[in-house]
Amino acid sequence: MGLARELERRLEQLVDGVSGALFRGKVHPVDLGTRIAREADLNMTQGLAGPVVPNEYRIALNPEDLETAGSSQRLVTELEYTLAATAADRGWRLEGPPDVKIAADPAVKSNHLKILSGIVAGETSVWGQLIGTGRHADLTMNRVLVGRSEECDIQLHEAEVSRLHAIIHREQQRTWVTDLGSANGTTVDGSVVTSTTPMRPGARLTLGPATFMFRLVEP
């Protein structure tokens, strides 16, 4: 399912009883979702761990289209949740938690909207953990870079671990591991990772000499 349609489907379940209280003009809450989706697609970049999309969105509407007396927090919360869920499903990285704000701006024409996006680093929720002997590491970003380099999200100090060793990411409701051509390899339950490989909860992950058990943290 396309990202825009996925956002529409989620929002349609919300807006039946909300749009009338929030919006007086022709701008519909679903329009906001599809514009955010388009903005994410247009501003996707490639980072060390893979595709990155903006996590901050500022939406401006003409005051005539926005019912300021209505509470928009429910819609904002749903938009933020949908963005986080979609990023996890698509394997996109968010550098911080989704942050959506909707405001009135008389400079915006009636029945139009303006949207600005950006990347703002911040703490995100833990969705998984790597548990080793005497240590553990939290997986917070949708795409996590593991290695010896200071640029990695999870830094391992063993000399046999490559600077950029592997990527762990979520996509289509599964967790995946990709080895980045490391010198000493990556395995999942003893099988050598030669391509992007699924990793189930409880799996044994080795990165060079470092061994961990993967734990999925339920929301």
Protein backbone atom coordinates (compact mmCIF):
# COMPACT_ATOMS: atom_id res chain seq x y z
CA MET A 1 0.00 0.00 0.00
CA GLY A 2 1.34 3.47 -0.92
CA LEU A 3 2.42 5.71 1.91
CA ALA A 4 -0.13 8.41 1.08
CA ARG A 5 -2.97 5.87 0.99
CA GLU A 6 -1.72 4.28 4.21
CA LEU A 7 -1.89 7.64 5.97
CA GLU A 8 -5.33 8.25 4.50
CA ARG A 9 -6.62 4.90 5.75
CA ARG A 10 -5.41 5.58 9.28
CA LEU A 11 -6.78 9.13 9.32
CA GLU A 12 -10.13 8.19 7.84
CA GLN A 13 -10.74 6.11 10.96
CA LEU A 14 -10.15 9.21 13.06
CA VAL A 15 -11.72 12.14 11.25
CA ASP A 16 -15.38 11.15 10.97
CA GLY A 17 -16.18 12.84 14.28
CA VAL A 18 -13.31 15.30 14.33
CA SER A 19 -13.14 17.19 11.04
CA GLY A 20 -16.31 19.16 11.62
CA ALA A 21 -15.03 20.44 14.95
CA LEU A 22 -11.64 21.44 13.54
CA PHE A 23 -12.11 22.58 9.98
CA ARG A 24 -14.57 25.06 8.46
CA GLY A 25 -13.11 25.19 4.92
CA LYS A 26 -12.38 22.62 2.24
CA VAL A 27 -9.08 21.50 3.73
CA HIS A 28 -9.65 18.03 5.18
CA PRO A 29 -7.55 16.28 7.83
CA VAL A 30 -6.68 13.56 5.31
CA ASP A 31 -5.13 16.31 3.15
CA LEU A 32 -2.68 16.98 5.97
CA GLY A 33 -1.64 13.34 6.06
CA THR A 34 -1.07 13.09 2.33
CA ARG A 35 0.92 16.33 2.29
CA ILE A 36 3.11 15.10 5.14
CA ALA A 37 3.64 11.86 3.21
CA ARG A 38 4.64 13.80 0.10
CA GLU A 39 6.95 16.02 2.14
CA ALA A 40 8.63 12.95 3.67
CA ASP A 41 9.16 11.39 0.22
CA LEU A 42 10.56 14.58 -1.28
CA ASN A 43 12.97 15.20 1.59
CA MET A 44 14.29 11.68 2.12
CA THR A 45 18.08 11.51 2.37
CA GLN A 46 20.58 8.69 2.71
CA GLY A 47 22.50 8.47 5.97
CA LEU A 48 25.11 6.00 7.15
CA ALA A 49 22.33 3.69 8.38
CA GLY A 50 20.08 4.12 5.32
CA PRO A 51 17.09 6.31 4.37
CA VAL A 52 16.25 9.20 6.68
CA VAL A 53 13.03 11.25 6.56
CA PRO A 54 12.09 14.46 8.42
CA ASN A 55 10.52 14.07 11.83
CA GLU A 56 9.34 17.69 12.30
CA TYR A 57 6.37 19.12 10.36
CA ARG A 58 4.86 22.59 10.65
CA ILE A 59 1.46 23.01 8.97
CA ALA A 60 -0.05 26.47 8.40
CA LEU A 61 -3.69 27.02 7.42
CA ASN A 62 -5.75 30.12 6.77
CA PRO A 63 -7.67 31.09 9.94
CA GLU A 64 -10.93 30.66 8.02
CA ASP A 65 -10.10 26.99 7.45
CA LEU A 66 -9.07 26.21 10.99
CA GLU A 67 -11.57 26.23 13.82
CA THR A 68 -9.37 27.56 16.59
CA ALA A 69 -11.98 26.74 19.21
CA GLY A 70 -11.66 23.04 18.39
CA SER A 71 -9.00 20.87 19.96
CA SER A 72 -6.51 19.74 17.30
CA GLN A 73 -4.40 17.71 19.73
CA ARG A 74 -6.13 14.44 18.88
CA LEU A 75 -5.40 14.90 15.18
CA VAL A 76 -1.80 15.94 15.87
CA THR A 77 -1.28 12.88 18.07
CA GLU A 78 -2.67 10.60 15.37
CA LEU A 79 -0.47 12.19 12.70
CA GLU A 80 2.61 11.73 14.88
CA TYR A 81 1.71 8.12 15.68
CA THR A 82 1.03 7.36 12.02
CA LEU A 83 4.37 8.81 10.95
CA ALA A 84 6.25 6.73 13.53
CA ALA A 85 4.38 3.56 12.55
CA THR A 86 4.88 4.19 8.84
CA ALA A 87 8.60 4.86 9.27
CA ALA A 88 8.97 1.58 11.17
CA ASP A 89 6.99 -0.29 8.52
CA ARG A 90 8.99 1.25 5.65
CA GLY A 91 12.41 0.94 7.26
CA TRP A 92 12.95 4.69 7.44
CA ARG A 93 15.05 6.36 10.08
CA LEU A 94 13.72 9.23 12.17
CA GLU A 95 16.42 11.17 13.98
CA GLY A 96 13.96 12.16 16.70
CA PRO A 97 10.33 11.67 17.70
CA PRO A 98 7.68 12.84 15.22
CA ASP A 99 6.66 16.43 15.96
CA VAL A 100 3.64 17.89 14.16
CA LYS A 101 2.16 21.32 14.83
CA ILE A 102 -0.87 22.95 13.17
CA ALA A 103 -1.33 26.72 13.30
CA ALA A 104 -3.37 29.50 11.69
CA ASP A 105 -1.57 31.86 9.32
CA PRO A 106 -3.46 34.66 7.51
CA ALA A 107 -0.73 34.71 4.84
CA VAL A 108 -1.93 31.30 3.63
CA LYS A 109 -4.78 31.44 1.11
CA SER A 110 -8.11 29.95 2.06
CA ASN A 111 -8.47 26.27 1.12
CA HIS A 112 -4.68 25.96 0.91
CA LEU A 113 -2.02 24.87 3.33
CA LYS A 114 1.70 25.38 3.78
CA ILE A 115 3.96 22.74 5.24
CA LEU A 116 7.60 22.93 6.29
CA SER A 117 9.64 19.95 7.43
CA GLY A 118 12.95 19.42 9.14
CA ILE A 119 15.12 16.98 11.02
CA VAL A 120 15.48 17.62 14.74
CA ALA A 121 17.49 15.14 16.78
CA GLY A 122 15.91 13.85 19.94
CA GLU A 123 15.28 10.80 22.09
CA THR A 124 13.02 8.11 20.66
CA SER A 125 11.36 5.16 22.36
CA VAL A 126 13.18 1.86 22.86
CA TRP A 127 11.78 -0.85 20.59
CA GLY A 128 14.44 -3.53 21.08
CA GLN A 129 17.55 -4.48 23.03
CA LEU A 130 20.81 -6.32 22.47
CA ILE A 131 21.62 -8.17 25.68
CA GLY A 132 25.14 -9.48 26.21
CA THR A 133 27.19 -10.69 29.15
CA GLY A 134 27.38 -7.79 31.56
CA ARG A 135 26.05 -5.25 29.09
CA HIS A 136 23.08 -4.34 26.96
CA ALA A 137 22.28 -1.78 24.28
CA ASP A 138 18.93 -0.18 23.49
CA LEU A 139 17.61 0.01 19.94
CA THR A 140 15.84 3.35 19.57
CA MET A 141 16.13 4.58 15.98
CA ASN A 142 14.26 2.68 13.27
CA ARG A 143 17.64 2.01 11.67
CA VAL A 144 20.55 1.43 14.05
CA LEU A 145 24.19 1.50 12.99
CA VAL A 146 26.45 -0.81 15.00
CA GLY A 147 30.25 -0.76 14.98
CA ARG A 148 33.44 0.55 16.51
CA SER A 149 33.19 4.07 15.09
CA GLU A 150 32.00 6.99 17.22
CA GLU A 151 29.49 7.65 14.42
CA CYS A 152 27.61 4.45 15.32
CA ASP A 153 24.43 4.44 17.36
CA ILE A 154 25.72 1.40 19.25
CA GLN A 155 29.48 1.52 19.70
CA LEU A 156 31.36 -1.71 20.40
CA HIS A 157 34.97 -1.38 21.46
CA GLU A 158 36.37 -4.80 20.52
CA ALA A 159 39.19 -4.46 17.99
CA GLU A 160 37.71 -7.27 15.87
CA VAL A 161 34.49 -5.27 15.34
CA SER A 162 34.61 -3.18 12.16
CA ARG A 163 34.16 0.59 12.31
CA LEU A 164 30.83 0.30 10.49
CA HIS A 165 29.91 -3.31 11.15
CA ALA A 166 26.15 -3.80 10.66
CA ILE A 167 22.73 -2.20 10.46
CA ILE A 168 19.72 -3.39 12.45
CA HIS A 169 16.39 -2.06 11.26
CA ARG A 170 12.62 -2.57 11.40
CA GLU A 171 10.58 -3.02 8.23
CA GLN A 172 7.22 -4.65 7.48
CA GLN A 173 6.75 -5.69 11.12
CA ARG A 174 10.03 -7.62 11.23
CA THR A 175 13.56 -6.91 12.41
CA TRP A 176 16.43 -7.25 9.94
CA VAL A 177 20.24 -7.32 10.08
CA THR A 178 22.60 -6.28 7.30
CA ASP A 179 26.35 -6.84 7.49
CA LEU A 180 28.32 -3.93 6.04
CA GLY A 181 31.20 -5.98 4.67
CA SER A 182 32.77 -6.33 8.10
CA ALA A 183 36.15 -8.04 8.45
CA ASN A 184 34.97 -10.65 10.98
CA GLY A 185 31.37 -11.07 9.93
CA THR A 186 27.91 -11.16 11.47
CA THR A 187 25.82 -14.22 12.30
CA VAL A 188 22.24 -14.83 13.41
CA ASP A 189 21.75 -18.07 15.35
CA GLY A 190 25.01 -19.33 13.87
CA SER A 191 24.14 -18.56 10.23
CA VAL A 192 26.44 -16.12 8.45
CA VAL A 193 24.68 -12.94 7.33
CA THR A 194 25.43 -12.51 3.62
CA SER A 195 22.40 -10.35 2.78
CA THR A 196 19.70 -8.54 4.71
CA THR A 197 18.49 -11.23 7.13
CA PRO A 198 15.44 -11.39 9.42
CA MET A 199 16.07 -11.70 13.17
CA ARG A 200 13.39 -13.08 15.46
CA PRO A 201 13.06 -12.15 19.16
CA GLY A 202 15.39 -14.33 21.20
CA ALA A 203 17.85 -14.76 18.33
CA ARG A 204 21.59 -14.93 19.04
CA LEU A 205 23.42 -12.17 17.18
CA THR A 206 27.20 -12.10 16.85
CA LEU A 207 29.14 -9.13 15.54
CA GLY A 208 32.74 -10.28 15.22
CA PRO A 209 33.58 -11.50 18.75
CA ALA A 210 30.60 -9.77 20.43
CA THR A 211 27.55 -11.92 21.14
CA PHE A 212 24.07 -10.68 22.08
CA MET A 213 20.54 -11.94 22.47
CA PHE A 214 17.99 -9.83 20.62
CA ARG A 215 14.96 -8.79 22.67
CA LEU A 216 11.91 -7.06 21.25
CA VAL A 217 10.42 -4.43 23.55
CA GLU A 218 6.63 -4.27 23.28
CA PRO A 219 5.09 -0.76 23.19
